[in-house]
Amino acid sequence: QLQLVESGGDLVQPGGSLRLSCASSTITFPYYTIGWFRQAPGKEREAISCISIEGASTGYADSVKGRFTISRDNARNTVYLQMNNLKPEDTANYYCAADHHSGCGSTWYLYDYDYWGQGTQVTVSS
């Protein structure tokens, strides 16, 4: 059973930055493709980013492209989501998820994931 723990959520002003982390103590974590999702109250869950096993391929939703960067440090069993130029519409609960996928292809945003974290809250407000 793969367990994921997100951290790094906070209250930040518009234009600010945050770095979210998705960590696992499971030794097989480096062999999973990781996705980041978010869900705001009253809205559907949105897939926002994906990173493959070795980080060779990534994917971003149009809503975050150019502002968010996904990366991973397999030695630390951690995937990061660097979020810059945050906007009020980025306010949501952010989740990471893991599964075995062959990279982040053109339809990465449709991937299903078996393992999910509990989420970390990001609030962008002045």
Foldseek 3Di string as FASTA:
>chain_A
DWAWAKDWADEAAAQAKIKMKIATPDLCLLQWKKWKWWDAPPDDIFTAKIAHSQRPAMDGDPVQPPFWDWDDDSVRRMIMIIGGRDDQVVWTWMKMFIDHDPGCDPVNRPDDGDYIYPTHTHGYHD
